[in-house]
Amino acid sequence: MAVAHHHHEISSDLLLRGNALGLSSMLVWSLSFPAADLLLRTWDPMALTLVRFALSIVFLIPVWIMVDGWRTVRNAPWLRGILIGGPTFGLAPYLLLVSQDLTSAITAAILASTLPIVSTLVEVVTGQRRLRTTFVVGLGLSVVGAIVATGQIEAVSLSWGALAMLGSVTLFALGSYWSVRHFPEVTPLGHAALPLVGGLIVTAVIYGGMVAFGLDVIPRHTIGATEWIWIVIYACAGLAISQLLWVAAVGQIGVALASFHINATPFYVMIFMLFAGAAWDWYAAFGAAIVISGVLVAQLRRRPRSQVVHPTD
């Protein structure tokens, strides 16, 4: 990576930017939990995933064309993007919804806190990261913070909900890692849009199969204005914008470090739930503080002196 060749200010600037992107991504993504809580009352998870993908792509592609130009979008590695994004980002959001459907918004946010562990394993296995003590301590703090944030460890039972979430975060970590690694020529907008198109195709095929098999997955109720607002928030903020910020963060600081930020989501979800009439939760606030300390500890002395190519003196 070119980062190691730069002076210290640049790498800390990169860290700052990457962490700001990671935090913003998770803050925006947190909106999708209360939105899904409301929508799952009347929607089948697969139908909801399909609508969410379709809307987020209708939102992202025109933005991508406006920013990067039509030629760039046309010449993008579409096939590679679809092949990587289809199975990973295509199934990850569906499995997350299944998990939330079987548990609750807060429990799903807690289960999602396994992402940093999975992401770290991805980086270690692929030789992208050597485990240092500070990183492992930070990782531990970030997971402890996520558990504290619920204040109800015993409620997280190893049910189908937890299994679905584990599948979801594994696919998400792999998809994020591959997206950034395999399309170095694409901007973050492309990194976000290409895999989501793959996700839409996979979801549409599965949904078509479900309908063909006579499964009751078609929404039968009339969709009111409030519900449309929630669907737009769920698709555009909770998927399109958060995905864009997320892949930008992964590009700057790597998938493992970026994913630490997911562990503050139970706190963000609680904040958004306050507006829906839920009570303030000190556990969630304290848990978020532990997560933030974990993020900081993991980044202490990120590289040994031997790696610095240009001494600043």
Protein backbone atom coordinates (compact mmCIF):
# COMPACT_ATOMS: atom_id res chain seq x y z
CA MET A 1 0.00 0.00 0.00
CA ALA A 2 1.20 3.51 -0.81
CA VAL A 3 0.14 4.77 2.62
CA ALA A 4 3.27 3.44 4.33
CA HIS A 5 5.47 5.63 2.14
CA HIS A 6 3.85 8.87 3.21
CA HIS A 7 4.80 11.02 6.14
CA HIS A 8 3.05 10.64 9.46
CA GLU A 9 0.61 13.57 9.02
CA ILE A 10 -0.80 12.02 5.88
CA SER A 11 -1.40 8.65 7.47
CA SER A 12 -3.10 10.22 10.50
CA ASP A 13 -5.14 12.39 8.14
CA LEU A 14 -6.14 9.23 6.28
CA LEU A 15 -7.09 7.60 9.59
CA LEU A 16 -9.16 10.60 10.57
CA ARG A 17 -10.97 10.67 7.23
CA GLY A 18 -11.48 6.90 7.21
CA ASN A 19 -12.89 6.91 10.73
CA ALA A 20 -15.17 9.86 10.01
CA LEU A 21 -16.52 7.98 6.97
CA GLY A 22 -16.94 4.77 8.99
CA LEU A 23 -18.80 6.56 11.75
CA SER A 24 -21.08 8.45 9.32
CA SER A 25 -21.78 5.25 7.41
CA MET A 26 -22.98 3.45 10.54
CA LEU A 27 -24.95 6.44 11.78
CA VAL A 28 -26.90 6.56 8.50
CA TRP A 29 -27.18 2.75 8.39
CA SER A 30 -28.73 2.75 11.89
CA LEU A 31 -31.81 4.40 10.41
CA SER A 32 -32.56 1.14 8.60
CA PHE A 33 -33.26 -0.72 11.88
CA PRO A 34 -36.27 1.34 13.08
CA ALA A 35 -37.42 1.59 9.43
CA ALA A 36 -37.29 -2.21 9.02
CA ASP A 37 -39.05 -2.67 12.38
CA LEU A 38 -42.04 -0.75 11.03
CA LEU A 39 -41.96 -2.22 7.52
CA LEU A 40 -41.57 -5.87 8.55
CA ARG A 41 -45.03 -5.71 10.14
CA THR A 42 -46.59 -5.74 6.68
CA TRP A 43 -43.77 -6.76 4.32
CA ASP A 44 -42.14 -10.07 3.54
CA PRO A 45 -38.35 -9.73 4.08
CA MET A 46 -37.56 -10.75 0.47
CA ALA A 47 -40.05 -8.31 -1.09
CA LEU A 48 -38.67 -5.55 1.14
CA THR A 49 -35.07 -6.39 0.16
CA LEU A 50 -35.98 -6.27 -3.53
CA VAL A 51 -37.70 -2.85 -3.30
CA ARG A 52 -34.80 -1.56 -1.22
CA PHE A 53 -32.21 -2.63 -3.82
CA ALA A 54 -34.23 -1.24 -6.72
CA LEU A 55 -34.70 2.18 -5.06
CA SER A 56 -31.08 2.45 -3.93
CA ILE A 57 -29.84 1.75 -7.48
CA VAL A 58 -32.32 4.22 -9.01
CA PHE A 59 -30.76 6.71 -6.57
CA LEU A 60 -27.06 5.77 -6.93
CA ILE A 61 -26.57 5.26 -10.68
CA PRO A 62 -27.72 8.76 -11.76
CA VAL A 63 -25.49 10.25 -9.03
CA TRP A 64 -22.58 8.13 -10.28
CA ILE A 65 -23.19 9.28 -13.89
CA MET A 66 -23.37 12.94 -12.78
CA VAL A 67 -20.16 12.76 -10.73
CA ASP A 68 -17.93 10.45 -12.78
CA GLY A 69 -19.44 10.88 -16.24
CA TRP A 70 -21.36 8.52 -18.51
CA ARG A 71 -18.25 7.02 -20.17
CA THR A 72 -16.73 5.97 -16.82
CA VAL A 73 -19.97 4.30 -15.78
CA ARG A 74 -20.33 2.55 -19.14
CA ASN A 75 -16.73 1.26 -19.07
CA ALA A 76 -16.89 0.13 -15.43
CA PRO A 77 -16.16 -3.59 -14.71
CA TRP A 78 -19.88 -4.47 -14.59
CA LEU A 79 -19.50 -8.23 -14.85
CA ARG A 80 -16.87 -8.40 -12.08
CA GLY A 81 -19.00 -6.09 -9.92
CA ILE A 82 -22.13 -8.19 -10.41
CA LEU A 83 -20.30 -11.48 -9.81
CA ILE A 84 -18.77 -10.21 -6.56
CA GLY A 85 -21.75 -8.18 -5.36
CA GLY A 86 -24.51 -10.60 -6.28
CA PRO A 87 -23.82 -13.39 -3.80
CA THR A 88 -22.33 -11.13 -1.08
CA PHE A 89 -24.33 -7.88 -0.96
CA GLY A 90 -27.29 -9.66 -2.56
CA LEU A 91 -27.80 -12.09 0.30
CA ALA A 92 -26.31 -10.13 3.24
CA PRO A 93 -29.18 -7.58 3.63
CA TYR A 94 -31.80 -10.33 3.27
CA LEU A 95 -30.17 -12.45 5.98
CA LEU A 96 -29.93 -9.35 8.19
CA LEU A 97 -33.69 -8.76 7.75
CA VAL A 98 -34.43 -12.41 8.52
CA SER A 99 -32.34 -12.01 11.68
CA GLN A 100 -34.23 -8.86 12.68
CA ASP A 101 -37.56 -10.52 11.84
CA LEU A 102 -36.69 -13.40 14.21
CA THR A 103 -35.31 -11.14 16.97
CA SER A 104 -35.68 -7.33 17.30
CA ALA A 105 -34.05 -4.12 16.03
CA ILE A 106 -31.69 -3.81 19.01
CA THR A 107 -30.81 -7.52 19.14
CA ALA A 108 -30.07 -7.48 15.40
CA ALA A 109 -27.78 -4.48 15.92
CA ILE A 110 -25.96 -6.40 18.68
CA LEU A 111 -25.58 -9.54 16.57
CA ALA A 112 -24.16 -7.38 13.77
CA SER A 113 -21.32 -6.49 16.16
CA THR A 114 -19.59 -9.73 15.13
CA LEU A 115 -18.60 -7.91 11.90
CA PRO A 116 -15.21 -6.61 13.18
CA ILE A 117 -14.17 -10.13 14.19
CA VAL A 118 -15.13 -11.59 10.81
CA SER A 119 -13.51 -8.64 8.97
CA THR A 120 -10.31 -9.01 10.98
CA LEU A 121 -10.18 -12.72 10.12
CA VAL A 122 -10.61 -11.82 6.42
CA GLU A 123 -7.65 -9.41 6.59
CA VAL A 124 -5.45 -11.82 8.59
CA VAL A 125 -6.20 -14.79 6.28
CA THR A 126 -5.50 -12.69 3.16
CA GLY A 127 -2.25 -11.41 4.68
CA GLN A 128 -3.44 -7.80 4.83
CA ARG A 129 -3.03 -7.49 8.60
CA ARG A 130 -0.60 -8.70 11.23
CA LEU A 131 -2.34 -8.84 14.59
CA ARG A 132 -0.85 -6.45 17.15
CA THR A 133 -1.78 -6.32 20.82
CA THR A 134 -3.38 -2.87 20.58
CA PHE A 135 -5.55 -4.03 17.69
CA VAL A 136 -6.72 -7.16 19.53
CA VAL A 137 -7.46 -5.15 22.73
CA GLY A 138 -9.38 -2.59 20.66
CA LEU A 139 -11.33 -5.36 18.96
CA GLY A 140 -12.20 -6.85 22.34
CA LEU A 141 -13.37 -3.49 23.69
CA SER A 142 -15.48 -2.89 20.63
CA VAL A 143 -17.30 -6.23 21.03
CA VAL A 144 -17.71 -5.78 24.82
CA GLY A 145 -19.15 -2.31 24.13
CA ALA A 146 -21.70 -3.77 21.75
CA ILE A 147 -22.79 -6.34 24.36
CA VAL A 148 -22.97 -3.72 27.14
CA ALA A 149 -25.04 -1.50 24.84
CA THR A 150 -27.98 -3.90 25.04
CA GLY A 151 -27.74 -4.45 28.76
CA GLN A 152 -29.28 -7.85 28.13
CA ILE A 153 -26.61 -10.39 27.28
CA GLU A 154 -28.89 -13.33 28.10
CA ALA A 155 -31.44 -12.14 25.51
CA VAL A 156 -29.03 -12.88 22.66
CA SER A 157 -29.69 -16.58 22.28
CA LEU A 158 -27.89 -18.63 19.66
CA SER A 159 -31.03 -19.01 17.62
CA TRP A 160 -31.69 -18.98 13.87
CA GLY A 161 -31.61 -15.20 14.18
CA ALA A 162 -27.97 -15.28 15.27
CA LEU A 163 -27.07 -17.78 12.55
CA ALA A 164 -28.70 -15.61 9.88
CA MET A 165 -26.76 -12.59 11.14
CA LEU A 166 -23.46 -14.49 11.13
CA GLY A 167 -24.09 -15.40 7.48
CA SER A 168 -24.97 -11.78 6.76
CA VAL A 169 -21.85 -10.23 8.31
CA THR A 170 -19.54 -12.83 6.71
CA LEU A 171 -20.92 -12.08 3.23
CA PHE A 172 -20.81 -8.34 3.95
CA ALA A 173 -17.16 -8.44 5.08
CA LEU A 174 -16.09 -10.51 2.06
CA GLY A 175 -18.08 -8.34 -0.36
CA SER A 176 -16.60 -5.13 1.07
CA TYR A 177 -13.06 -6.49 0.98
CA TRP A 178 -13.35 -7.81 -2.59
CA SER A 179 -15.09 -4.68 -3.89
CA VAL A 180 -12.28 -2.41 -2.78
CA ARG A 181 -9.49 -4.88 -3.72
CA HIS A 182 -10.74 -5.95 -7.15
CA PHE A 183 -11.81 -2.62 -8.65
CA PRO A 184 -8.87 -0.31 -7.93
CA GLU A 185 -9.85 1.68 -11.04
CA VAL A 186 -13.34 2.51 -9.75
CA THR A 187 -14.29 5.47 -7.48
CA PRO A 188 -16.21 4.87 -4.19
CA LEU A 189 -19.46 5.63 -6.09
CA GLY A 190 -18.71 2.72 -8.40
CA HIS A 191 -17.63 0.54 -5.47
CA ALA A 192 -21.05 1.18 -3.93
CA ALA A 193 -23.18 0.91 -7.09
CA LEU A 194 -21.67 -2.09 -8.93
CA PRO A 195 -22.12 -4.70 -6.17
CA LEU A 196 -25.63 -3.42 -5.43
CA VAL A 197 -26.62 -4.08 -9.05
CA GLY A 198 -25.37 -7.63 -8.52
CA GLY A 199 -27.41 -7.74 -5.33
CA LEU A 200 -30.53 -6.56 -7.17
CA ILE A 201 -30.14 -9.28 -9.84
CA VAL A 202 -29.69 -12.07 -7.27
CA THR A 203 -32.60 -10.80 -5.14
CA ALA A 204 -34.87 -10.48 -8.19
CA VAL A 205 -34.09 -14.06 -9.28
CA ILE A 206 -34.75 -15.47 -5.77
CA TYR A 207 -37.93 -13.39 -5.42
CA GLY A 208 -39.12 -14.55 -8.85
CA GLY A 209 -38.50 -18.13 -7.78
CA MET A 210 -40.49 -17.62 -4.56
CA VAL A 211 -43.44 -16.17 -6.48
CA ALA A 212 -43.24 -18.99 -9.05
CA PHE A 213 -43.34 -21.55 -6.23
CA GLY A 214 -46.52 -19.93 -4.99
CA LEU A 215 -45.03 -18.46 -1.79
CA ASP A 216 -46.99 -15.54 -0.38
CA VAL A 217 -44.33 -12.84 -0.71
CA ILE A 218 -46.20 -10.16 -2.70
CA PRO A 219 -47.23 -7.15 -0.55
CA ARG A 220 -51.04 -7.15 -0.52
CA HIS A 221 -51.77 -4.02 1.49
CA THR A 222 -52.12 -0.47 0.21
CA ILE A 223 -48.90 1.43 0.79
CA GLY A 224 -49.56 4.86 2.33
CA ALA A 225 -47.45 8.03 2.19
CA THR A 226 -45.81 7.44 5.60
CA GLU A 227 -44.82 3.95 4.58
CA TRP A 228 -43.27 5.24 1.34
CA ILE A 229 -41.22 7.76 3.35
CA TRP A 230 -39.91 4.89 5.52
CA ILE A 231 -39.15 2.80 2.42
CA VAL A 232 -37.18 5.70 0.87
CA ILE A 233 -35.24 6.23 4.15
CA TYR A 234 -34.63 2.48 4.33
CA ALA A 235 -33.36 2.27 0.73
CA CYS A 236 -31.61 5.58 0.07
CA ALA A 237 -30.16 6.34 3.51
CA GLY A 238 -29.94 2.85 5.01
CA LEU A 239 -28.45 1.24 1.90
CA ALA A 240 -27.29 3.61 -0.88
CA ILE A 241 -25.71 6.41 1.19
CA SER A 242 -24.42 4.20 3.99
CA GLN A 243 -22.89 1.80 1.44
CA LEU A 244 -21.16 4.69 -0.35
CA LEU A 245 -19.68 6.04 2.91
CA TRP A 246 -18.78 2.51 3.99
CA VAL A 247 -16.79 1.48 0.88
CA ALA A 248 -15.02 4.88 1.02
CA ALA A 249 -14.04 4.11 4.65
CA VAL A 250 -12.84 0.60 3.72
CA GLY A 251 -10.74 2.11 0.93
CA GLN A 252 -9.03 4.44 3.43
CA ILE A 253 -8.50 2.28 6.55
CA GLY A 254 -9.33 -1.32 5.56
CA VAL A 255 -12.39 -3.45 6.25
CA ALA A 256 -11.37 -4.55 9.78
CA LEU A 257 -10.84 -1.09 11.23
CA ALA A 258 -13.83 0.41 9.40
CA SER A 259 -16.08 -2.33 10.76
CA PHE A 260 -15.31 -1.40 14.40
CA HIS A 261 -17.77 1.44 13.90
CA ILE A 262 -20.67 -0.98 13.45
CA ASN A 263 -20.53 -1.69 17.18
CA ALA A 264 -21.84 1.76 18.06
CA THR A 265 -25.02 1.08 16.05
CA PRO A 266 -27.08 -0.17 19.06
CA PHE A 267 -26.52 3.31 20.55
CA TYR A 268 -27.54 5.08 17.31
CA VAL A 269 -30.58 2.80 16.96
CA MET A 270 -31.56 3.69 20.53
CA ILE A 271 -31.22 7.42 19.72
CA PHE A 272 -33.50 7.04 16.68
CA MET A 273 -35.93 4.90 18.69
CA LEU A 274 -36.20 7.79 21.21
CA PHE A 275 -37.99 9.77 18.50
CA ALA A 276 -40.38 6.85 18.10
CA GLY A 277 -41.19 7.08 21.82
CA ALA A 278 -38.67 4.62 23.32
CA ALA A 279 -36.88 5.43 26.58
CA TRP A 280 -33.25 6.62 26.96
CA ASP A 281 -30.92 3.70 27.60
CA TRP A 282 -27.78 4.29 29.68
CA TYR A 283 -26.46 0.85 28.74
CA ALA A 284 -26.48 1.81 25.06
CA ALA A 285 -24.71 5.10 25.80
CA PHE A 286 -22.06 3.43 27.99
CA GLY A 287 -21.61 0.66 25.43
CA ALA A 288 -21.05 3.21 22.65
CA ALA A 289 -18.38 4.92 24.78
CA ILE A 290 -16.57 1.55 25.18
CA VAL A 291 -16.78 0.97 21.40
CA ILE A 292 -15.25 4.40 20.71
CA SER A 293 -12.39 3.67 23.14
CA GLY A 294 -11.86 0.35 21.31
CA VAL A 295 -11.64 2.17 17.96
CA LEU A 296 -9.00 4.50 19.42
CA VAL A 297 -6.95 1.76 21.11
CA ALA A 298 -6.91 -0.39 17.95
CA GLN A 299 -5.27 2.46 16.05
CA LEU A 300 -2.49 3.21 18.53
CA ARG A 301 0.89 2.87 16.84
CA ARG A 302 -0.54 1.39 13.70
CA ARG A 303 2.79 0.58 12.08
CA PRO A 304 6.18 -0.34 13.51
CA ARG A 305 9.07 2.07 12.87
CA SER A 306 10.77 -0.37 10.51
CA GLN A 307 7.96 0.16 7.99
CA VAL A 308 8.41 3.89 7.66
CA VAL A 309 10.28 4.34 4.41
CA HIS A 310 11.14 8.05 4.67
CA PRO A 311 12.37 9.20 8.10
CA THR A 312 10.99 12.66 8.72
CA ASP A 313 14.36 14.07 9.87
